[in-house]
Amino acid sequence: MTPEADAYTITSIDALEALYGTPGKASLVKVTDRVIPEYAKLIDASPFVALATIGPEGIDCSPRGDRPGFVRIHDEKTLTMPDRRGNNRADSLRNIVRDERAAFLFLIPGSGTTLRVNGRARLSIDPELCASFAIDEAAPRSVIVLSVDEVYFQCARAIVRSDLWNGAKHANPENLPTPGQILQATSRREIDGEAYDREWPDRAQKTMW
């Protein structure tokens, strides 16, 4: 069946709550309005964050990866994250400039626990702050500063169900389209996919930071 809007579509909070019931106590007491020491340990261990932002064009979710602890805890109400080199689309940054609402979702390889942080973001180009995040003498052009509104951990069900960290179940890259193949298709062959895939590893190595 096609999932079109019909009589079976939930259209009110009352209907939603009738279907799912009320959350248990543990689901509510885990929420804090600041980074407590226990949550700080999760942030310090994470090398990967999904960054969610919103702007006039809609919602965006962007992957951010770096060395564990790349998101710094400035204080219990403030996090800082460097904006490393990318493709210069700056979708997330454009959104932050126009709408401060943002969220971080932290993943920790090997752990089923994820951490969600919701707040308000701004971009800083303070020279000292950017320089403090330099790797191999390459500093980020800007740093995302997140004012924390709420923090809470997510239970492990999603990670367990997906078996995300089980290497035996990882997809075989040979069965997936390469970035070059995708670009060749979306550009209607204006981009040479084979050349892109061949050149990308060296280009990425030179522009990692």
Protein backbone atom coordinates (compact mmCIF):
# COMPACT_ATOMS: atom_id res chain seq x y z
CA MET A 1 0.00 0.00 0.00
CA THR A 2 1.15 3.54 -0.70
CA PRO A 3 1.71 5.45 2.59
CA GLU A 4 -0.56 8.34 1.65
CA ALA A 5 -2.31 10.59 4.18
CA ASP A 6 -5.64 8.99 5.03
CA ALA A 7 -7.87 8.08 7.95
CA TYR A 8 -5.00 6.06 9.42
CA THR A 9 -2.68 9.09 9.69
CA ILE A 10 -2.03 10.43 13.19
CA THR A 11 -2.95 14.12 13.15
CA SER A 12 -3.14 15.11 16.81
CA ILE A 13 -1.13 14.82 20.00
CA ASP A 14 -4.12 13.25 21.73
CA ALA A 15 -4.22 10.49 19.13
CA LEU A 16 -0.49 9.98 19.39
CA GLU A 17 -0.56 9.71 23.17
CA ALA A 18 -3.50 7.34 23.01
CA LEU A 19 -1.44 5.07 20.77
CA TYR A 20 1.87 5.22 22.66
CA GLY A 21 0.78 5.94 26.22
CA THR A 22 2.88 7.94 28.65
CA PRO A 23 6.67 7.71 29.03
CA GLY A 24 8.14 5.90 32.01
CA LYS A 25 9.89 7.72 34.83
CA ALA A 26 13.37 6.82 33.57
CA SER A 27 12.59 8.47 30.23
CA LEU A 28 11.85 11.74 32.00
CA VAL A 29 14.38 11.97 34.81
CA LYS A 30 17.32 11.42 32.44
CA VAL A 31 16.80 14.87 30.89
CA THR A 32 19.05 17.63 32.23
CA ASP A 33 19.45 21.27 31.25
CA ARG A 34 23.23 21.10 31.47
CA VAL A 35 26.14 18.73 30.87
CA ILE A 36 26.53 16.65 34.03
CA PRO A 37 29.78 14.69 34.65
CA GLU A 38 28.23 11.43 33.44
CA TYR A 39 27.17 12.99 30.15
CA ALA A 40 30.55 14.70 29.82
CA LYS A 41 32.24 11.29 29.69
CA LEU A 42 30.07 10.32 26.71
CA ILE A 43 30.88 13.54 24.87
CA ASP A 44 34.61 13.13 25.50
CA ALA A 45 34.53 9.56 24.12
CA SER A 46 32.64 10.35 20.93
CA PRO A 47 34.36 10.72 17.53
CA PHE A 48 31.11 11.23 15.61
CA VAL A 49 28.20 13.66 15.82
CA ALA A 50 25.09 14.09 13.69
CA LEU A 51 24.40 17.83 13.56
CA ALA A 52 20.76 18.83 13.04
CA THR A 53 19.86 22.37 12.00
CA ILE A 54 16.86 24.15 10.54
CA GLY A 55 16.52 27.02 8.09
CA PRO A 56 14.11 28.61 5.61
CA GLU A 57 14.64 25.74 3.14
CA GLY A 58 13.88 23.11 5.77
CA ILE A 59 15.74 20.71 8.05
CA ASP A 60 19.29 19.47 7.54
CA CYS A 61 21.29 16.71 9.25
CA SER A 62 25.04 16.64 8.69
CA PRO A 63 27.69 14.10 9.81
CA ARG A 64 30.64 15.46 11.79
CA GLY A 65 33.60 13.24 12.60
CA ASP A 66 36.94 13.90 14.24
CA ARG A 67 39.18 12.59 16.97
CA PRO A 68 37.36 11.56 20.18
CA GLY A 69 36.63 14.61 22.28
CA PHE A 70 36.54 16.97 19.29
CA VAL A 71 33.39 18.48 20.77
CA ARG A 72 34.69 20.38 23.79
CA ILE A 73 32.85 21.15 26.97
CA HIS A 74 33.57 24.82 27.61
CA ASP A 75 31.30 24.73 30.64
CA GLU A 76 28.21 22.81 31.68
CA LYS A 77 26.00 24.97 29.45
CA THR A 78 28.30 25.42 26.44
CA LEU A 79 29.79 23.07 23.83
CA THR A 80 32.18 23.97 21.03
CA MET A 81 32.78 22.02 17.81
CA PRO A 82 35.23 22.90 15.00
CA ASP A 83 33.93 23.08 11.46
CA ARG A 84 36.51 21.05 9.55
CA ARG A 85 37.09 21.15 5.81
CA GLY A 86 34.28 19.93 3.58
CA ASN A 87 32.71 20.67 0.25
CA ASN A 88 31.92 24.33 1.11
CA ARG A 89 28.16 23.88 0.71
CA ALA A 90 27.91 25.04 4.33
CA ASP A 91 24.30 23.90 4.61
CA SER A 92 24.44 23.59 8.39
CA LEU A 93 26.28 26.87 8.80
CA ARG A 94 23.82 28.75 6.61
CA ASN A 95 21.02 27.41 8.77
CA ILE A 96 22.73 28.38 12.03
CA VAL A 97 23.26 31.95 10.82
CA ARG A 98 19.53 32.25 10.10
CA ASP A 99 18.03 30.04 12.83
CA GLU A 100 19.89 29.29 16.06
CA ARG A 101 18.05 26.04 16.84
CA ALA A 102 20.40 23.05 16.61
CA ALA A 103 20.98 19.57 18.02
CA PHE A 104 23.93 17.18 18.41
CA LEU A 105 23.56 13.40 18.39
CA PHE A 106 26.70 11.68 19.69
CA LEU A 107 27.67 8.14 18.68
CA ILE A 108 30.39 6.11 20.40
CA PRO A 109 31.76 3.08 18.50
CA GLY A 110 31.24 -0.07 20.55
CA SER A 111 28.65 1.50 22.84
CA GLY A 112 24.90 1.20 22.54
CA THR A 113 24.33 4.48 24.36
CA THR A 114 23.89 7.64 22.31
CA LEU A 115 23.62 11.19 23.64
CA ARG A 116 21.26 13.90 22.46
CA VAL A 117 21.93 17.59 23.06
CA ASN A 118 19.44 20.26 22.01
CA GLY A 119 20.21 23.96 22.13
CA ARG A 120 20.95 27.18 20.30
CA ALA A 121 24.00 27.57 18.10
CA ARG A 122 26.13 30.40 16.79
CA LEU A 123 29.28 30.57 14.66
CA SER A 124 32.49 31.99 16.06
CA ILE A 125 35.55 33.03 14.05
CA ASP A 126 37.49 34.11 17.13
CA PRO A 127 41.14 33.62 16.07
CA GLU A 128 42.25 32.14 19.39
CA LEU A 129 39.32 29.75 19.58
CA CYS A 130 39.81 28.54 16.01
CA ALA A 131 43.57 28.18 16.53
CA SER A 132 42.98 26.04 19.62
CA PHE A 133 41.36 23.41 17.38
CA ALA A 134 44.24 23.32 14.87
CA ILE A 135 45.56 19.94 13.72
CA ASP A 136 48.74 19.75 11.64
CA GLU A 137 48.74 23.56 11.76
CA ALA A 138 45.35 23.67 10.00
CA ALA A 139 42.72 25.54 12.01
CA PRO A 140 39.00 25.41 11.25
CA ARG A 141 37.55 28.51 9.62
CA SER A 142 34.83 28.65 12.25
CA VAL A 143 33.68 26.98 15.46
CA ILE A 144 30.09 26.07 16.29
CA VAL A 145 29.20 27.22 19.80
CA LEU A 146 26.15 25.47 21.22
CA SER A 147 24.28 26.85 24.23
CA VAL A 148 22.79 23.79 25.90
CA ASP A 149 19.05 23.65 26.60
CA GLU A 150 18.62 19.94 27.28
CA VAL A 151 20.73 16.79 27.37
CA TYR A 152 19.70 13.16 27.62
CA PHE A 153 20.96 9.73 26.69
CA GLN A 154 19.12 7.40 24.31
CA CYS A 155 18.79 3.74 25.28
CA ALA A 156 20.58 1.11 23.22
CA ARG A 157 17.60 -0.39 21.39
CA ALA A 158 18.35 1.29 18.04
CA ILE A 159 22.01 0.25 18.14
CA VAL A 160 21.14 -3.28 19.24
CA ARG A 161 18.45 -3.71 16.60
CA SER A 162 20.72 -2.41 13.84
CA ASP A 163 23.73 -4.40 15.13
CA LEU A 164 25.63 -1.29 14.06
CA TRP A 165 29.03 -2.16 15.52
CA ASN A 166 29.08 -5.80 14.35
CA GLY A 167 31.81 -5.87 11.72
CA ALA A 168 30.60 -9.21 10.41
CA LYS A 169 27.40 -7.51 9.27
CA HIS A 170 28.97 -4.43 7.70
CA ALA A 171 28.05 -3.83 4.09
CA ASN A 172 30.50 -4.84 1.39
CA PRO A 173 31.58 -1.58 -0.33
CA GLU A 174 31.78 -3.45 -3.61
CA ASN A 175 28.01 -3.87 -3.51
CA LEU A 176 27.37 -0.14 -3.09
CA PRO A 177 27.62 2.71 -5.60
CA THR A 178 30.77 4.80 -5.22
CA PRO A 179 30.68 8.59 -4.84
CA GLY A 180 32.05 8.87 -8.35
CA GLN A 181 29.33 6.65 -9.79
CA ILE A 182 26.68 8.71 -8.02
CA LEU A 183 28.17 11.99 -9.28
CA GLN A 184 28.42 10.64 -12.80
CA ALA A 185 24.73 9.72 -12.69
CA THR A 186 23.49 12.96 -11.10
CA SER A 187 25.64 15.12 -13.40
CA ARG A 188 24.48 13.18 -16.45
CA ARG A 189 28.07 12.16 -17.09
CA GLU A 190 29.49 15.67 -16.90
CA ILE A 191 31.68 14.33 -14.09
CA ASP A 192 33.96 11.39 -14.82
CA GLY A 193 33.05 9.06 -11.97
CA GLU A 194 36.00 6.74 -12.39
CA ALA A 195 38.46 9.65 -12.29
CA TYR A 196 36.72 11.13 -9.25
CA ASP A 197 36.99 7.87 -7.28
CA ARG A 198 40.60 7.42 -8.33
CA GLU A 199 41.65 10.93 -7.29
CA TRP A 200 39.55 11.26 -4.11
CA PRO A 201 41.78 9.38 -1.60
CA ASP A 202 44.81 11.56 -2.35
CA ARG A 203 42.72 14.75 -2.41
CA ALA A 204 41.06 13.87 0.90
CA GLN A 205 44.41 13.09 2.54
CA LYS A 206 45.76 16.49 1.59
CA THR A 207 42.66 18.35 2.79
CA MET A 208 41.63 16.29 5.84
CA TRP A 209 42.05 19.13 8.33
